[in-house]
PDB file of N, CA and C in Angstrom:
ATOM      1  N   UNK A   1     -12.682 -23.959 -15.693  1.00  0.00           N
ATOM      2  CA  UNK A   1     -12.851 -23.246 -14.548  1.00  0.00           C
ATOM      3  C   UNK A   1     -11.671 -23.506 -13.994  1.00  0.00           C
ATOM      4  N   UNK A   2     -11.541 -22.108 -13.230  1.00  0.00           N
ATOM      5  CA  UNK A   2     -10.139 -21.907 -12.247  1.00  0.00           C
ATOM      6  C   UNK A   2     -11.090 -21.452 -10.883  1.00  0.00           C
ATOM      7  N   UNK A   3      -9.829 -22.386 -10.224  1.00  0.00           N
ATOM      8  CA  UNK A   3     -10.357 -22.710  -9.105  1.00  0.00           C
ATOM      9  C   UNK A   3      -8.886 -22.061  -7.799  1.00  0.00           C
ATOM     10  N   UNK A   4      -9.449 -20.673  -7.108  1.00  0.00           N
ATOM     11  CA  UNK A   4      -8.015 -20.376  -6.856  1.00  0.00           C
ATOM     12  C   UNK A   4      -8.036 -20.562  -5.029  1.00  0.00           C
ATOM     13  N   UNK A   5      -6.752 -21.326  -4.535  1.00  0.00           N
ATOM     14  CA  UNK A   5      -7.318 -20.914  -2.770  1.00  0.00           C
ATOM     15  C   UNK A   5      -5.909 -20.755  -2.281  1.00  0.00           C
ATOM     16  N   UNK A   6      -5.052 -20.114  -3.084  1.00  0.00           N
ATOM     17  CA  UNK A   6      -4.129 -19.513  -3.117  1.00  0.00           C
ATOM     18  C   UNK A   6      -3.127 -20.421  -3.688  1.00  0.00           C
ATOM     19  N   UNK A   7      -2.957 -21.490  -3.860  1.00  0.00           N
ATOM     20  CA  UNK A   7      -2.173 -22.589  -4.789  1.00  0.00           C
ATOM     21  C   UNK A   7      -2.358 -22.590  -6.015  1.00  0.00           C
ATOM     22  N   UNK A   8      -1.810 -22.953  -6.859  1.00  0.00           N
ATOM     23  CA  UNK A   8      -1.419 -23.118  -8.180  1.00  0.00           C
ATOM     24  C   UNK A   8      -1.993 -24.893  -8.221  1.00  0.00           C
ATOM     25  N   UNK A   9      -1.860 -25.902  -7.006  1.00  0.00           N
ATOM     26  CA  UNK A   9      -2.239 -27.071  -7.666  1.00  0.00           C
ATOM     27  C   UNK A   9      -3.911 -27.669  -8.395  1.00  0.00           C
ATOM     28  N   UNK A  10      -4.781 -26.832  -7.662  1.00  0.00           N
ATOM     29  CA  UNK A  10      -5.898 -27.141  -8.053  1.00  0.00           C
ATOM     30  C   UNK A  10      -6.550 -26.329  -9.363  1.00  0.00           C
ATOM     31  N   UNK A  11      -5.285 -25.508  -9.702  1.00  0.00           N
ATOM     32  CA  UNK A  11      -5.675 -24.393 -11.356  1.00  0.00           C
ATOM     33  C   UNK A  11      -5.151 -25.491 -12.367  1.00  0.00           C
ATOM     34  N   UNK A  12      -3.935 -25.907 -11.581  1.00  0.00           N
ATOM     35  CA  UNK A  12      -2.958 -27.371 -12.892  1.00  0.00           C
ATOM     36  C   UNK A  12      -3.958 -28.583 -13.072  1.00  0.00           C
ATOM     37  N   UNK A  13      -4.305 -28.906 -12.056  1.00  0.00           N
ATOM     38  CA  UNK A  13      -4.508 -30.642 -11.775  1.00  0.00           C
ATOM     39  C   UNK A  13      -6.278 -30.146 -12.440  1.00  0.00           C
ATOM     40  N   UNK A  14      -6.828 -28.944 -11.957  1.00  0.00           N
ATOM     41  CA  UNK A  14      -8.738 -29.793 -11.749  1.00  0.00           C
ATOM     42  C   UNK A  14      -9.143 -30.443 -10.017  1.00  0.00           C
ATOM     43  N   UNK A  15      -9.869 -29.774 -10.266  1.00  0.00           N
ATOM     44  CA  UNK A  15     -10.427 -30.207  -8.166  1.00  0.00           C
ATOM     45  C   UNK A  15     -10.647 -31.888  -8.134  1.00  0.00           C
ATOM     46  N   UNK A  16     -11.694 -32.406  -9.300  1.00  0.00           N
ATOM     47  CA  UNK A  16     -11.356 -34.462  -8.476  1.00  0.00           C
ATOM     48  C   UNK A  16     -10.262 -34.516  -8.829  1.00  0.00           C
ATOM     49  N   UNK A  17      -8.817 -34.488  -9.767  1.00  0.00           N
ATOM     50  CA  UNK A  17      -7.511 -35.080  -9.582  1.00  0.00           C
ATOM     51  C   UNK A  17      -6.841 -34.632  -8.368  1.00  0.00           C
ATOM     52  N   UNK A  18      -7.434 -33.545  -7.625  1.00  0.00           N
ATOM     53  CA  UNK A  18      -6.766 -32.746  -6.517  1.00  0.00           C
ATOM     54  C   UNK A  18      -7.043 -33.434  -5.203  1.00  0.00           C
ATOM     55  N   UNK A  19      -8.444 -33.200  -5.656  1.00  0.00           N
ATOM     56  CA  UNK A  19      -8.731 -34.275  -4.197  1.00  0.00           C
ATOM     57  C   UNK A  19      -8.902 -35.898  -4.201  1.00  0.00           C
ATOM     58  N   UNK A  20      -8.438 -36.358  -5.439  1.00  0.00           N
ATOM     59  CA  UNK A  20      -7.995 -37.599  -5.404  1.00  0.00           C
ATOM     60  C   UNK A  20      -6.326 -37.800  -4.964  1.00  0.00           C
ATOM     61  N   UNK A  21      -5.399 -36.634  -5.075  1.00  0.00           N
ATOM     62  CA  UNK A  21      -4.136 -36.702  -4.404  1.00  0.00           C
ATOM     63  C   UNK A  21      -4.488 -36.500  -3.399  1.00  0.00           C
ATOM     64  N   UNK A  22      -5.275 -35.790  -2.919  1.00  0.00           N
ATOM     65  CA  UNK A  22      -5.244 -35.157  -1.109  1.00  0.00           C
ATOM     66  C   UNK A  22      -5.638 -36.535  -0.393  1.00  0.00           C
ATOM     67  N   UNK A  23      -6.414 -37.627  -0.951  1.00  0.00           N
ATOM     68  CA  UNK A  23      -6.867 -38.411  -0.206  1.00  0.00           C
ATOM     69  C   UNK A  23      -6.091 -40.151  -0.235  1.00  0.00           C
ATOM     70  N   UNK A  24      -5.401 -40.064  -1.303  1.00  0.00           N
ATOM     71  CA  UNK A  24      -4.386 -40.427  -1.237  1.00  0.00           C
ATOM     72  C   UNK A  24      -3.214 -40.424  -0.480  1.00  0.00           C
ATOM     73  N   UNK A  25      -2.570 -38.831  -0.438  1.00  0.00           N
ATOM     74  CA  UNK A  25      -2.154 -39.014   0.570  1.00  0.00           C
ATOM     75  C   UNK A  25      -1.880 -38.724   2.038  1.00  0.00           C
ATOM     76  N   UNK A  26      -3.521 -38.019   2.224  1.00  0.00           N
ATOM     77  CA  UNK A  26      -3.551 -38.371   3.526  1.00  0.00           C
ATOM     78  C   UNK A  26      -4.270 -40.411   4.013  1.00  0.00           C
ATOM     79  N   UNK A  27      -4.334 -40.767   2.912  1.00  0.00           N
ATOM     80  CA  UNK A  27      -4.197 -42.427   3.677  1.00  0.00           C
ATOM     81  C   UNK A  27      -2.693 -42.772   4.001  1.00  0.00           C
ATOM     82  N   UNK A  28      -1.984 -42.792   3.117  1.00  0.00           N
ATOM     83  CA  UNK A  28      -0.564 -42.957   3.164  1.00  0.00           C
ATOM     84  C   UNK A  28      -0.328 -42.462   4.130  1.00  0.00           C
ATOM     85  N   UNK A  29      -0.448 -41.573   4.689  1.00  0.00           N
ATOM     86  CA  UNK A  29       0.340 -41.145   6.326  1.00  0.00           C
ATOM     87  C   UNK A  29      -0.430 -41.845   7.146  1.00  0.00           C
ATOM     88  N   UNK A  30      -1.370 -41.977   6.960  1.00  0.00           N
ATOM     89  CA  UNK A  30      -2.470 -42.309   8.389  1.00  0.00           C
ATOM     90  C   UNK A  30      -2.652 -43.394   8.407  1.00  0.00           C
ATOM     91  N   UNK A  31      -2.099 -44.655   7.212  1.00  0.00           N
ATOM     92  CA  UNK A  31      -1.295 -45.859   7.303  1.00  0.00           C
ATOM     93  C   UNK A  31      -0.348 -46.242   8.414  1.00  0.00           C
ATOM     94  N   UNK A  32       0.935 -44.938   7.525  1.00  0.00           N
ATOM     95  CA  UNK A  32       2.525 -45.237   8.768  1.00  0.00           C
ATOM     96  C   UNK A  32       2.577 -44.809   9.551  1.00  0.00           C
ATOM     97  N   UNK A  33       1.474 -43.307  10.188  1.00  0.00           N
ATOM     98  CA  UNK A  33       1.294 -43.282  11.416  1.00  0.00           C
ATOM     99  C   UNK A  33       0.597 -44.161  12.691  1.00  0.00           C
ATOM    100  N   UNK A  34       0.083 -45.408  11.601  1.00  0.00           N
ATOM    101  CA  UNK A  34      -0.468 -46.124  12.326  1.00  0.00           C
ATOM    102  C   UNK A  34       0.252 -47.250  12.460  1.00  0.00           C
ATOM    103  N   UNK A  35       0.849 -47.697  12.002  1.00  0.00           N
ATOM    104  CA  UNK A  35       1.766 -48.750  12.019  1.00  0.00           C
ATOM    105  C   UNK A  35       3.062 -48.178  12.776  1.00  0.00           C
ATOM    106  N   UNK A  36       3.664 -47.317  12.516  1.00  0.00           N
ATOM    107  CA  UNK A  36       4.121 -46.782  13.771  1.00  0.00           C
ATOM    108  C   UNK A  36       4.010 -46.718  15.127  1.00  0.00           C
ATOM    109  N   UNK A  37       2.275 -46.308  15.325  1.00  0.00           N
ATOM    110  CA  UNK A  37       2.007 -46.807  16.778  1.00  0.00           C
ATOM    111  C   UNK A  37       1.935 -48.680  17.256  1.00  0.00           C
ATOM    112  N   UNK A  38       1.683 -49.040  16.597  1.00  0.00           N
ATOM    113  CA  UNK A  38       1.342 -50.286  16.974  1.00  0.00           C
ATOM    114  C   UNK A  38       2.938 -51.328  16.954  1.00  0.00           C
ATOM    115  N   UNK A  39       4.067 -50.261  15.889  1.00  0.00           N
ATOM    116  CA  UNK A  39       5.476 -50.327  16.374  1.00  0.00           C
ATOM    117  C   UNK A  39       5.896 -52.009  15.030  1.00  0.00           C
ATOM    118  N   UNK A  40       4.991 -51.454  14.114  1.00  0.00           N
ATOM    119  CA  UNK A  40       5.954 -52.177  13.166  1.00  0.00           C
ATOM    120  C   UNK A  40       5.985 -51.096  12.146  1.00  0.00           C
ATOM    121  N   UNK A  41       7.569 -50.919  12.081  1.00  0.00           N
ATOM    122  CA  UNK A  41       8.613 -49.945  11.266  1.00  0.00           C
ATOM    123  C   UNK A  41       8.709 -50.132  10.245  1.00  0.00           C
ATOM    124  N   UNK A  42       8.922 -51.684   9.875  1.00  0.00           N
ATOM    125  CA  UNK A  42       9.454 -51.696   8.212  1.00  0.00           C
ATOM    126  C   UNK A  42       7.613 -51.435   7.391  1.00  0.00           C
ATOM    127  N   UNK A  43       6.749 -51.589   7.741  1.00  0.00           N
ATOM    128  CA  UNK A  43       5.646 -51.599   7.159  1.00  0.00           C
ATOM    129  C   UNK A  43       5.633 -49.507   6.998  1.00  0.00           C
ATOM    130  N   UNK A  44       5.767 -49.297   8.256  1.00  0.00           N
ATOM    131  CA  UNK A  44       5.631 -47.638   8.551  1.00  0.00           C
ATOM    132  C   UNK A  44       6.363 -46.956   7.765  1.00  0.00           C
ATOM    133  N   UNK A  45       7.888 -47.526   7.305  1.00  0.00           N
ATOM    134  CA  UNK A  45       8.198 -47.269   6.026  1.00  0.00           C
ATOM    135  C   UNK A  45       8.300 -48.074   5.105  1.00  0.00           C
ATOM    136  N   UNK A  46       7.939 -48.293   4.928  1.00  0.00           N
ATOM    137  CA  UNK A  46       7.517 -49.060   3.528  1.00  0.00           C
ATOM    138  C   UNK A  46       6.666 -48.015   2.710  1.00  0.00           C
ATOM    139  N   UNK A  47       5.510 -47.634   3.542  1.00  0.00           N
ATOM    140  CA  UNK A  47       5.309 -46.345   2.831  1.00  0.00           C
ATOM    141  C   UNK A  47       5.325 -44.896   1.895  1.00  0.00           C
ATOM    142  N   UNK A  48       6.736 -44.798   2.924  1.00  0.00           N
ATOM    143  CA  UNK A  48       7.635 -43.444   2.363  1.00  0.00           C
ATOM    144  C   UNK A  48       7.943 -43.495  -0.107  1.00  0.00           C
ATOM    145  N   UNK A  49       8.542 -44.961  -0.039  1.00  0.00           N
ATOM    146  CA  UNK A  49       8.347 -44.600  -1.341  1.00  0.00           C
ATOM    147  C   UNK A  49       6.642 -43.932  -2.583  1.00  0.00           C
ATOM    148  N   UNK A  50       5.938 -44.491  -1.778  1.00  0.00           N
ATOM    149  CA  UNK A  50       4.708 -44.125  -2.081  1.00  0.00           C
ATOM    150  C   UNK A  50       4.726 -42.278  -2.249  1.00  0.00           C
ATOM    151  N   UNK A  51       4.836 -41.632  -1.539  1.00  0.00           N
ATOM    152  CA  UNK A  51       4.925 -40.429  -1.230  1.00  0.00           C
ATOM    153  C   UNK A  51       5.672 -39.525  -1.429  1.00  0.00           C
ATOM    154  N   UNK A  52       7.030 -40.233  -2.178  1.00  0.00           N
ATOM    155  CA  UNK A  52       8.348 -39.552  -3.108  1.00  0.00           C
ATOM    156  C   UNK A  52       7.263 -39.477  -4.700  1.00  0.00           C
ATOM    157  N   UNK A  53       6.692 -40.778  -4.714  1.00  0.00           N
ATOM    158  CA  UNK A  53       6.055 -41.013  -6.312  1.00  0.00           C
ATOM    159  C   UNK A  53       4.716 -40.019  -6.320  1.00  0.00           C
ATOM    160  N   UNK A  54       4.361 -39.339  -5.241  1.00  0.00           N
ATOM    161  CA  UNK A  54       3.287 -38.843  -5.793  1.00  0.00           C
ATOM    162  C   UNK A  54       4.018 -37.187  -5.642  1.00  0.00           C
ATOM    163  N   UNK A  55       5.010 -37.086  -5.264  1.00  0.00           N
ATOM    164  CA  UNK A  55       5.899 -35.647  -4.943  1.00  0.00           C
ATOM    165  C   UNK A  55       6.131 -34.986  -6.450  1.00  0.00           C
ATOM    166  N   UNK A  56       6.506 -36.557  -7.113  1.00  0.00           N
ATOM    167  CA  UNK A  56       7.310 -36.459  -8.209  1.00  0.00           C
ATOM    168  C   UNK A  56       6.339 -36.056  -9.312  1.00  0.00           C
ATOM    169  N   UNK A  57       5.066 -36.839  -9.250  1.00  0.00           N
ATOM    170  CA  UNK A  57       4.202 -36.498  -9.947  1.00  0.00           C
ATOM    171  C   UNK A  57       3.313 -35.251  -9.961  1.00  0.00           C
ATOM    172  N   UNK A  58       3.074 -34.892  -8.613  1.00  0.00           N
ATOM    173  CA  UNK A  58       2.822 -33.712  -8.742  1.00  0.00           C
ATOM    174  C   UNK A  58       3.901 -32.414  -9.163  1.00  0.00           C
ATOM    175  N   UNK A  59       5.196 -32.924  -9.501  1.00  0.00           N
ATOM    176  CA  UNK A  59       6.323 -31.766 -10.133  1.00  0.00           C
ATOM    177  C   UNK A  59       5.889 -31.764 -10.978  1.00  0.00           C
ATOM    178  N   UNK A  60       6.133 -33.126 -11.874  1.00  0.00           N
ATOM    179  CA  UNK A  60       5.560 -33.057 -13.310  1.00  0.00           C
ATOM    180  C   UNK A  60       4.945 -32.682 -14.034  1.00  0.00           C
ATOM    181  N   UNK A  61       3.398 -32.881 -13.149  1.00  0.00           N
ATOM    182  CA  UNK A  61       2.041 -32.097 -13.662  1.00  0.00           C
ATOM    183  C   UNK A  61       1.891 -30.909 -13.748  1.00  0.00           C
ATOM    184  N   UNK A  62       2.847 -30.291 -12.468  1.00  0.00           N
ATOM    185  CA  UNK A  62       3.332 -28.638 -12.551  1.00  0.00           C
ATOM    186  C   UNK A  62       4.075 -28.244 -13.313  1.00  0.00           C
ATOM    187  N   UNK A  63       4.662 -28.724 -14.487  1.00  0.00           N
ATOM    188  CA  UNK A  63       5.396 -27.910 -15.014  1.00  0.00           C
ATOM    189  C   UNK A  63       4.784 -28.075 -16.967  1.00  0.00           C
TER     190      UNK A  63
END
């Protein structure tokens, strides 16, 4: 089943895995934003490697 929203992400990965990926990225970004708001810079920037891992996961699954 191909779902076309103008991007190839949903076609390549599937709807369920794309929703899991989007929710994971939103939770990582919201955690980093909340920690920056609290002034905890070490915890805020510790979430950046997870975003890099998600980026590489999407790039590898695209090929």
